[in-house]
Amino acid sequence: MITFDTLAAFRAHIGQSLGSSDWVTITQEKVNDFAKATGDNQWIHVNTELAKLSPFKTTIAHGFLTLSLAPKFMYEMYQVQSVKMGLNYGTNKVRFTSPVPTGSRIRMHAILKEVEDQQPNGVKSVIEATFELEGSAKPACVAELITLMFE
């Protein structure tokens, strides 16, 4: 984990890697819980028997399940000690580039792309996030993650 004392130190890191998170296994239980929370019960996500007949041979995670792990992954990669409040502010350029079969492991690699001032005493950051799929050269998802942080 990278620790920054202040937002100024965080800003000085623009263009550099924030590292990679730990690997997370995408279990059928996680997929089912996500389906229940979102109402997205498509068979390719929740019907393990029918999914065996699919090209993937198993169920696959919802793309937005992969993306929803971004806050967990970011907490593992960096912290800014002076920050009193941080908010997930949005995403840009989200692409789900590869399916994530249940049982797979994913992690996120991040690069700090932009930091701009926000009043009062804060910044808006844009992070280039690549959600890596273990054993695959092609990522599961790529996105720009936008956060607000205030000292």
N, C-alpha and C. Protein backbone atom coordinates (compact mmCIF):
# COMPACT_ATOMS: atom_id res chain seq x y z
N MET A 1 0.84 -1.18 0.00
CA MET A 1 0.00 0.00 0.00
C MET A 1 0.89 1.24 0.00
N ILE A 2 0.46 2.24 -0.79
CA ILE A 2 1.14 3.52 -0.82
C ILE A 2 0.41 4.46 0.13
N THR A 3 1.15 5.13 0.98
CA THR A 3 0.56 6.10 1.90
C THR A 3 1.08 7.49 1.55
N PHE A 4 0.14 8.40 1.34
CA PHE A 4 0.45 9.80 1.09
C PHE A 4 0.06 10.58 2.35
N ASP A 5 0.90 11.50 2.78
CA ASP A 5 0.59 12.30 3.96
C ASP A 5 -0.50 13.32 3.68
N THR A 6 -0.46 13.93 2.49
CA THR A 6 -1.39 15.01 2.15
C THR A 6 -1.88 14.85 0.71
N LEU A 7 -2.88 15.65 0.37
CA LEU A 7 -3.35 15.67 -1.02
C LEU A 7 -2.28 16.22 -1.96
N ALA A 8 -1.44 17.12 -1.46
CA ALA A 8 -0.34 17.64 -2.28
C ALA A 8 0.63 16.52 -2.65
N ALA A 9 0.91 15.64 -1.73
CA ALA A 9 1.79 14.50 -2.02
C ALA A 9 1.11 13.55 -3.01
N PHE A 10 -0.19 13.36 -2.85
CA PHE A 10 -0.96 12.54 -3.78
C PHE A 10 -0.88 13.15 -5.19
N ARG A 11 -1.08 14.46 -5.28
CA ARG A 11 -1.02 15.15 -6.57
C ARG A 11 0.35 14.97 -7.24
N ALA A 12 1.39 14.96 -6.47
CA ALA A 12 2.74 14.81 -7.02
C ALA A 12 2.96 13.43 -7.65
N HIS A 13 2.03 12.52 -7.44
CA HIS A 13 2.12 11.15 -7.96
C HIS A 13 1.46 10.99 -9.34
N ILE A 14 0.94 12.08 -9.91
CA ILE A 14 0.26 12.01 -11.21
C ILE A 14 1.15 11.33 -12.24
N GLY A 15 0.53 10.43 -13.01
CA GLY A 15 1.24 9.71 -14.07
C GLY A 15 1.92 8.44 -13.60
N GLN A 16 1.84 8.16 -12.31
CA GLN A 16 2.52 6.98 -11.76
C GLN A 16 1.52 5.92 -11.31
N SER A 17 2.03 4.74 -11.17
CA SER A 17 1.23 3.61 -10.71
C SER A 17 0.88 3.74 -9.23
N LEU A 18 -0.32 3.35 -8.91
CA LEU A 18 -0.73 3.22 -7.51
C LEU A 18 -0.63 1.77 -7.06
N GLY A 19 -0.17 0.91 -7.95
CA GLY A 19 0.03 -0.50 -7.62
C GLY A 19 -1.12 -1.38 -8.04
N SER A 20 -1.13 -2.56 -7.48
CA SER A 20 -2.17 -3.56 -7.76
C SER A 20 -2.77 -4.03 -6.45
N SER A 21 -4.05 -4.35 -6.50
CA SER A 21 -4.75 -4.87 -5.33
C SER A 21 -4.42 -6.35 -5.14
N ASP A 22 -4.96 -6.92 -4.08
CA ASP A 22 -4.91 -8.37 -3.90
C ASP A 22 -5.87 -9.02 -4.89
N TRP A 23 -5.66 -10.29 -5.14
CA TRP A 23 -6.58 -11.06 -5.99
C TRP A 23 -7.86 -11.38 -5.21
N VAL A 24 -8.98 -11.36 -5.90
CA VAL A 24 -10.28 -11.73 -5.32
C VAL A 24 -10.89 -12.82 -6.19
N THR A 25 -11.35 -13.88 -5.55
CA THR A 25 -12.02 -14.96 -6.27
C THR A 25 -13.50 -14.61 -6.44
N ILE A 26 -13.97 -14.71 -7.65
CA ILE A 26 -15.38 -14.47 -7.95
C ILE A 26 -16.13 -15.78 -7.78
N THR A 27 -16.83 -15.90 -6.66
CA THR A 27 -17.57 -17.12 -6.34
C THR A 27 -19.00 -17.03 -6.85
N GLN A 28 -19.66 -18.17 -6.95
CA GLN A 28 -21.07 -18.16 -7.33
C GLN A 28 -21.90 -17.43 -6.27
N GLU A 29 -21.51 -17.52 -5.02
CA GLU A 29 -22.22 -16.81 -3.97
C GLU A 29 -22.16 -15.30 -4.19
N LYS A 30 -20.98 -14.76 -4.56
CA LYS A 30 -20.87 -13.32 -4.86
C LYS A 30 -21.76 -12.95 -6.04
N VAL A 31 -21.75 -13.78 -7.07
CA VAL A 31 -22.57 -13.52 -8.26
C VAL A 31 -24.05 -13.54 -7.89
N ASN A 32 -24.47 -14.53 -7.11
CA ASN A 32 -25.88 -14.63 -6.69
C ASN A 32 -26.28 -13.44 -5.83
N ASP A 33 -25.42 -13.03 -4.90
CA ASP A 33 -25.72 -11.88 -4.05
C ASP A 33 -25.86 -10.61 -4.89
N PHE A 34 -25.00 -10.45 -5.89
CA PHE A 34 -25.08 -9.29 -6.76
C PHE A 34 -26.38 -9.32 -7.56
N ALA A 35 -26.76 -10.51 -8.05
CA ALA A 35 -28.01 -10.65 -8.80
C ALA A 35 -29.21 -10.28 -7.93
N LYS A 36 -29.19 -10.73 -6.69
CA LYS A 36 -30.28 -10.38 -5.77
C LYS A 36 -30.33 -8.88 -5.51
N ALA A 37 -29.18 -8.26 -5.34
CA ALA A 37 -29.14 -6.83 -5.03
C ALA A 37 -29.60 -5.98 -6.21
N THR A 38 -29.32 -6.43 -7.43
CA THR A 38 -29.60 -5.61 -8.61
C THR A 38 -30.84 -6.05 -9.38
N GLY A 39 -31.34 -7.24 -9.09
CA GLY A 39 -32.47 -7.77 -9.85
C GLY A 39 -32.06 -8.31 -11.21
N ASP A 40 -30.77 -8.41 -11.47
CA ASP A 40 -30.27 -8.93 -12.75
C ASP A 40 -30.03 -10.43 -12.59
N ASN A 41 -31.06 -11.21 -12.91
CA ASN A 41 -31.02 -12.66 -12.72
C ASN A 41 -30.90 -13.41 -14.03
N GLN A 42 -30.17 -12.86 -14.98
CA GLN A 42 -29.98 -13.54 -16.26
C GLN A 42 -29.38 -14.93 -16.02
N TRP A 43 -29.81 -15.89 -16.80
CA TRP A 43 -29.39 -17.27 -16.58
C TRP A 43 -27.87 -17.45 -16.64
N ILE A 44 -27.18 -16.66 -17.47
CA ILE A 44 -25.72 -16.83 -17.60
C ILE A 44 -24.99 -16.49 -16.31
N HIS A 45 -25.68 -15.78 -15.42
CA HIS A 45 -25.08 -15.43 -14.13
C HIS A 45 -25.49 -16.39 -13.02
N VAL A 46 -26.73 -16.87 -13.03
CA VAL A 46 -27.25 -17.58 -11.86
C VAL A 46 -27.66 -19.03 -12.09
N ASN A 47 -27.81 -19.46 -13.32
CA ASN A 47 -28.23 -20.84 -13.58
C ASN A 47 -27.02 -21.69 -13.93
N THR A 48 -26.47 -22.34 -12.92
CA THR A 48 -25.22 -23.08 -13.10
C THR A 48 -25.37 -24.25 -14.07
N GLU A 49 -26.53 -24.88 -14.10
CA GLU A 49 -26.74 -26.03 -15.01
C GLU A 49 -26.82 -25.57 -16.46
N LEU A 50 -27.62 -24.57 -16.73
CA LEU A 50 -27.75 -24.06 -18.10
C LEU A 50 -26.44 -23.45 -18.58
N ALA A 51 -25.71 -22.80 -17.69
CA ALA A 51 -24.44 -22.16 -18.06
C ALA A 51 -23.40 -23.18 -18.50
N LYS A 52 -23.52 -24.42 -18.05
CA LYS A 52 -22.58 -25.46 -18.49
C LYS A 52 -22.65 -25.68 -19.99
N LEU A 53 -23.79 -25.33 -20.60
CA LEU A 53 -23.98 -25.48 -22.04
C LEU A 53 -23.51 -24.26 -22.83
N SER A 54 -23.12 -23.21 -22.12
CA SER A 54 -22.67 -21.97 -22.78
C SER A 54 -21.22 -22.11 -23.24
N PRO A 55 -20.77 -21.18 -24.06
CA PRO A 55 -19.35 -21.20 -24.48
C PRO A 55 -18.38 -21.08 -23.30
N PHE A 56 -18.85 -20.53 -22.17
CA PHE A 56 -17.99 -20.34 -21.01
C PHE A 56 -17.93 -21.57 -20.11
N LYS A 57 -18.88 -22.49 -20.28
CA LYS A 57 -18.97 -23.75 -19.51
C LYS A 57 -19.28 -23.54 -18.03
N THR A 58 -19.56 -22.31 -17.64
CA THR A 58 -19.90 -21.97 -16.27
C THR A 58 -20.61 -20.62 -16.27
N THR A 59 -21.15 -20.24 -15.15
CA THR A 59 -21.71 -18.90 -15.05
C THR A 59 -20.59 -17.87 -15.10
N ILE A 60 -20.98 -16.64 -15.43
CA ILE A 60 -20.01 -15.55 -15.46
C ILE A 60 -20.51 -14.42 -14.57
N ALA A 61 -19.58 -13.64 -14.06
CA ALA A 61 -19.92 -12.49 -13.22
C ALA A 61 -20.56 -11.40 -14.06
N HIS A 62 -21.44 -10.65 -13.44
CA HIS A 62 -21.96 -9.43 -14.05
C HIS A 62 -20.79 -8.48 -14.25
N GLY A 63 -20.77 -7.76 -15.36
CA GLY A 63 -19.71 -6.77 -15.56
C GLY A 63 -19.68 -5.75 -14.44
N PHE A 64 -20.87 -5.32 -14.01
CA PHE A 64 -20.91 -4.31 -12.96
C PHE A 64 -20.50 -4.87 -11.60
N LEU A 65 -20.54 -6.18 -11.42
CA LEU A 65 -19.98 -6.77 -10.19
C LEU A 65 -18.47 -6.53 -10.18
N THR A 66 -17.83 -6.78 -11.30
CA THR A 66 -16.39 -6.53 -11.41
C THR A 66 -16.09 -5.07 -11.08
N LEU A 67 -16.82 -4.16 -11.72
CA LEU A 67 -16.59 -2.73 -11.50
C LEU A 67 -16.88 -2.32 -10.06
N SER A 68 -17.88 -2.95 -9.44
CA SER A 68 -18.26 -2.57 -8.07
C SER A 68 -17.18 -2.89 -7.04
N LEU A 69 -16.20 -3.69 -7.41
CA LEU A 69 -15.10 -4.00 -6.49
C LEU A 69 -14.04 -2.90 -6.45
N ALA A 70 -14.19 -1.89 -7.29
CA ALA A 70 -13.19 -0.80 -7.36
C ALA A 70 -12.91 -0.16 -6.00
N PRO A 71 -13.91 0.22 -5.20
CA PRO A 71 -13.59 0.83 -3.91
C PRO A 71 -12.77 -0.09 -3.01
N LYS A 72 -13.13 -1.36 -2.96
CA LYS A 72 -12.36 -2.33 -2.15
C LYS A 72 -10.90 -2.35 -2.62
N PHE A 73 -10.73 -2.44 -3.93
CA PHE A 73 -9.38 -2.51 -4.47
C PHE A 73 -8.59 -1.23 -4.19
N MET A 74 -9.24 -0.08 -4.34
CA MET A 74 -8.52 1.18 -4.09
C MET A 74 -8.10 1.30 -2.64
N TYR A 75 -8.95 0.86 -1.71
CA TYR A 75 -8.59 0.90 -0.28
C TYR A 75 -7.35 0.05 -0.01
N GLU A 76 -7.14 -0.99 -0.78
CA GLU A 76 -5.97 -1.85 -0.60
C GLU A 76 -4.70 -1.23 -1.18
N MET A 77 -4.85 -0.30 -2.14
CA MET A 77 -3.69 0.21 -2.86
C MET A 77 -3.11 1.49 -2.28
N TYR A 78 -3.96 2.40 -1.83
CA TYR A 78 -3.41 3.68 -1.35
C TYR A 78 -4.32 4.32 -0.31
N GLN A 79 -3.72 5.22 0.44
CA GLN A 79 -4.47 6.05 1.38
C GLN A 79 -3.80 7.42 1.45
N VAL A 80 -4.63 8.43 1.74
CA VAL A 80 -4.13 9.78 1.95
C VAL A 80 -4.49 10.13 3.39
N GLN A 81 -3.48 10.20 4.25
CA GLN A 81 -3.72 10.33 5.69
C GLN A 81 -4.47 11.60 6.08
N SER A 82 -4.31 12.67 5.34
CA SER A 82 -4.95 13.94 5.70
C SER A 82 -6.42 14.01 5.29
N VAL A 83 -6.89 13.04 4.51
CA VAL A 83 -8.26 13.08 4.00
C VAL A 83 -9.26 12.72 5.09
N LYS A 84 -10.26 13.57 5.22
CA LYS A 84 -11.33 13.35 6.19
C LYS A 84 -12.56 12.71 5.55
N MET A 85 -12.72 12.88 4.23
CA MET A 85 -13.86 12.31 3.54
C MET A 85 -13.49 12.05 2.08
N GLY A 86 -13.87 10.89 1.59
CA GLY A 86 -13.70 10.55 0.19
C GLY A 86 -15.00 10.03 -0.38
N LEU A 87 -15.26 10.35 -1.64
CA LEU A 87 -16.50 9.93 -2.29
C LEU A 87 -16.19 9.34 -3.67
N ASN A 88 -16.86 8.25 -3.99
CA ASN A 88 -16.83 7.75 -5.36
C ASN A 88 -17.70 8.69 -6.17
N TYR A 89 -17.15 9.29 -7.21
CA TYR A 89 -17.84 10.36 -7.92
C TYR A 89 -18.33 9.94 -9.31
N GLY A 90 -17.81 8.84 -9.83
CA GLY A 90 -18.27 8.39 -11.13
C GLY A 90 -17.22 7.62 -11.89
N THR A 91 -17.56 7.32 -13.12
CA THR A 91 -16.65 6.59 -14.01
C THR A 91 -16.73 7.19 -15.41
N ASN A 92 -15.67 7.01 -16.15
CA ASN A 92 -15.61 7.36 -17.57
C ASN A 92 -15.08 6.14 -18.32
N LYS A 93 -15.47 6.03 -19.57
CA LYS A 93 -14.85 5.07 -20.49
C LYS A 93 -14.82 3.64 -19.95
N VAL A 94 -15.92 3.18 -19.37
CA VAL A 94 -15.98 1.82 -18.85
C VAL A 94 -16.17 0.85 -20.00
N ARG A 95 -15.34 -0.19 -20.03
CA ARG A 95 -15.45 -1.25 -21.03
C ARG A 95 -15.28 -2.59 -20.31
N PHE A 96 -16.22 -3.50 -20.56
CA PHE A 96 -16.11 -4.86 -20.04
C PHE A 96 -15.53 -5.69 -21.18
N THR A 97 -14.24 -5.93 -21.13
CA THR A 97 -13.50 -6.46 -22.28
C THR A 97 -13.37 -7.98 -22.31
N SER A 98 -13.68 -8.63 -21.20
CA SER A 98 -13.57 -10.09 -21.15
C SER A 98 -14.49 -10.62 -20.06
N PRO A 99 -15.22 -11.72 -20.34
CA PRO A 99 -16.08 -12.29 -19.30
C PRO A 99 -15.25 -12.85 -18.15
N VAL A 100 -15.87 -12.84 -16.96
CA VAL A 100 -15.21 -13.35 -15.75
C VAL A 100 -15.97 -14.59 -15.28
N PRO A 101 -15.48 -15.79 -15.63
CA PRO A 101 -16.16 -17.01 -15.18
C PRO A 101 -16.09 -17.15 -13.66
N THR A 102 -17.15 -17.69 -13.08
CA THR A 102 -17.10 -17.94 -11.64
C THR A 102 -15.92 -18.86 -11.35
N GLY A 103 -15.31 -18.62 -10.21
CA GLY A 103 -14.10 -19.34 -9.84
C GLY A 103 -12.83 -18.62 -10.27
N SER A 104 -12.97 -17.60 -11.12
CA SER A 104 -11.82 -16.82 -11.57
C SER A 104 -11.37 -15.86 -10.49
N ARG A 105 -10.14 -15.39 -10.65
CA ARG A 105 -9.62 -14.37 -9.74
C ARG A 105 -9.34 -13.11 -10.52
N ILE A 106 -9.71 -11.97 -9.91
CA ILE A 106 -9.45 -10.67 -10.52
C ILE A 106 -8.75 -9.78 -9.51
N ARG A 107 -8.06 -8.77 -10.04
CA ARG A 107 -7.48 -7.72 -9.22
C ARG A 107 -7.46 -6.45 -10.06
N MET A 108 -7.14 -5.35 -9.42
CA MET A 108 -7.12 -4.08 -10.13
C MET A 108 -5.73 -3.47 -10.06
N HIS A 109 -5.28 -2.98 -11.20
CA HIS A 109 -4.07 -2.17 -11.27
C HIS A 109 -4.52 -0.75 -11.56
N ALA A 110 -3.88 0.25 -10.93
CA ALA A 110 -4.31 1.63 -11.07
C ALA A 110 -3.15 2.57 -11.34
N ILE A 111 -3.43 3.58 -12.16
CA ILE A 111 -2.49 4.66 -12.45
C ILE A 111 -3.22 5.97 -12.17
N LEU A 112 -2.58 6.85 -11.43
CA LEU A 112 -3.16 8.16 -11.15
C LEU A 112 -3.00 9.03 -12.39
N LYS A 113 -4.11 9.32 -13.05
CA LYS A 113 -4.08 10.04 -14.33
C LYS A 113 -4.18 11.55 -14.15
N GLU A 114 -5.13 12.01 -13.33
CA GLU A 114 -5.36 13.45 -13.17
C GLU A 114 -5.74 13.77 -11.73
N VAL A 115 -5.40 14.98 -11.30
CA VAL A 115 -5.85 15.51 -10.01
C VAL A 115 -6.14 16.99 -10.22
N GLU A 116 -7.36 17.41 -9.85
CA GLU A 116 -7.68 18.83 -9.95
C GLU A 116 -8.34 19.29 -8.66
N ASP A 117 -8.14 20.56 -8.34
CA ASP A 117 -8.66 21.14 -7.10
C ASP A 117 -10.19 21.14 -7.09
N GLN A 118 -10.73 20.91 -5.91
CA GLN A 118 -12.17 21.02 -5.64
C GLN A 118 -12.31 21.79 -4.34
N GLN A 119 -13.22 22.71 -4.32
CA GLN A 119 -13.43 23.50 -3.10
C GLN A 119 -14.51 22.88 -2.24
N PRO A 120 -14.39 22.92 -0.93
CA PRO A 120 -13.28 23.48 -0.17
C PRO A 120 -12.26 22.40 0.19
N ASN A 121 -11.00 22.70 0.06
CA ASN A 121 -9.90 21.85 0.54
C ASN A 121 -9.93 20.43 0.01
N GLY A 122 -10.18 20.27 -1.29
CA GLY A 122 -10.25 18.93 -1.82
C GLY A 122 -9.70 18.81 -3.22
N VAL A 123 -9.78 17.58 -3.73
CA VAL A 123 -9.37 17.29 -5.11
C VAL A 123 -10.35 16.30 -5.73
N LYS A 124 -10.39 16.36 -7.05
CA LYS A 124 -11.06 15.33 -7.84
C LYS A 124 -9.95 14.58 -8.56
N SER A 125 -9.93 13.27 -8.43
CA SER A 125 -8.89 12.49 -9.11
C SER A 125 -9.52 11.56 -10.13
N VAL A 126 -8.75 11.28 -11.17
CA VAL A 126 -9.12 10.31 -12.18
C VAL A 126 -8.05 9.23 -12.17
N ILE A 127 -8.50 8.00 -12.01
CA ILE A 127 -7.60 6.86 -11.93
C ILE A 127 -7.88 5.93 -13.10
N GLU A 128 -6.84 5.58 -13.84
CA GLU A 128 -6.96 4.58 -14.90
C GLU A 128 -6.92 3.21 -14.24
N ALA A 129 -8.03 2.49 -14.30
CA ALA A 129 -8.12 1.20 -13.63
C ALA A 129 -8.20 0.08 -14.66
N THR A 130 -7.39 -0.93 -14.44
CA THR A 130 -7.42 -2.13 -15.26
C THR A 130 -7.72 -3.30 -14.33
N PHE A 131 -8.85 -3.95 -14.57
CA PHE A 131 -9.24 -5.11 -13.77
C PHE A 131 -8.69 -6.35 -14.48
N GLU A 132 -7.65 -6.89 -13.90
CA GLU A 132 -6.95 -8.01 -14.51
C GLU A 132 -7.64 -9.32 -14.17
N LEU A 133 -7.67 -10.22 -15.13
CA LEU A 133 -8.23 -11.55 -14.98
C LEU A 133 -7.06 -12.52 -14.96
N GLU A 134 -6.88 -13.21 -13.85
CA GLU A 134 -5.73 -14.10 -13.69
C GLU A 134 -5.68 -15.12 -14.83
N GLY A 135 -4.50 -15.25 -15.43
CA GLY A 135 -4.29 -16.21 -16.49
C GLY A 135 -4.70 -15.73 -17.87
N SER A 136 -5.13 -14.48 -17.97
CA SER A 136 -5.57 -13.94 -19.25
C SER A 136 -4.77 -12.68 -19.59
N ALA A 137 -4.36 -12.58 -20.84
CA ALA A 137 -3.66 -11.37 -21.28
C ALA A 137 -4.64 -10.22 -21.46
N LYS A 138 -5.91 -10.54 -21.62
CA LYS A 138 -6.95 -9.53 -21.84
C LYS A 138 -7.62 -9.21 -20.50
N PRO A 139 -7.74 -7.92 -20.15
CA PRO A 139 -8.36 -7.57 -18.87
C PRO A 139 -9.87 -7.85 -18.88
N ALA A 140 -10.43 -7.95 -17.68
CA ALA A 140 -11.88 -8.13 -17.54
C ALA A 140 -12.60 -6.81 -17.77
N CYS A 141 -11.98 -5.71 -17.35
CA CYS A 141 -12.62 -4.40 -17.44
C CYS A 141 -11.54 -3.33 -17.41
N VAL A 142 -11.79 -2.25 -18.12
CA VAL A 142 -10.97 -1.05 -18.02
C VAL A 142 -11.91 0.13 -17.81
N ALA A 143 -11.47 1.08 -16.99
CA ALA A 143 -12.32 2.23 -16.69
C ALA A 143 -11.49 3.35 -16.10
N GLU A 144 -12.03 4.55 -16.19
CA GLU A 144 -11.49 5.68 -15.45
C GLU A 144 -12.40 5.88 -14.25
N LEU A 145 -11.83 5.84 -13.07
CA LEU A 145 -12.57 6.01 -11.82
C LEU A 145 -12.35 7.41 -11.29
N ILE A 146 -13.44 8.07 -10.93
CA ILE A 146 -13.36 9.45 -10.46
C ILE A 146 -13.72 9.46 -8.97
N THR A 147 -12.86 10.09 -8.18
CA THR A 147 -13.12 10.22 -6.74
C THR A 147 -12.93 11.66 -6.31
N LEU A 148 -13.65 12.03 -5.26
CA LEU A 148 -13.47 13.30 -4.59
C LEU A 148 -12.89 13.02 -3.21
N MET A 149 -11.91 13.81 -2.80
CA MET A 149 -11.33 13.68 -1.47
C MET A 149 -11.18 15.06 -0.88
N PHE A 150 -11.48 15.17 0.44
CA PHE A 150 -11.41 16.46 1.12
C PHE A 150 -10.62 16.34 2.41
N GLU A 151 -9.75 17.34 2.65
CA GLU A 151 -8.96 17.39 3.88
C GLU A 151 -9.74 18.13 4.95
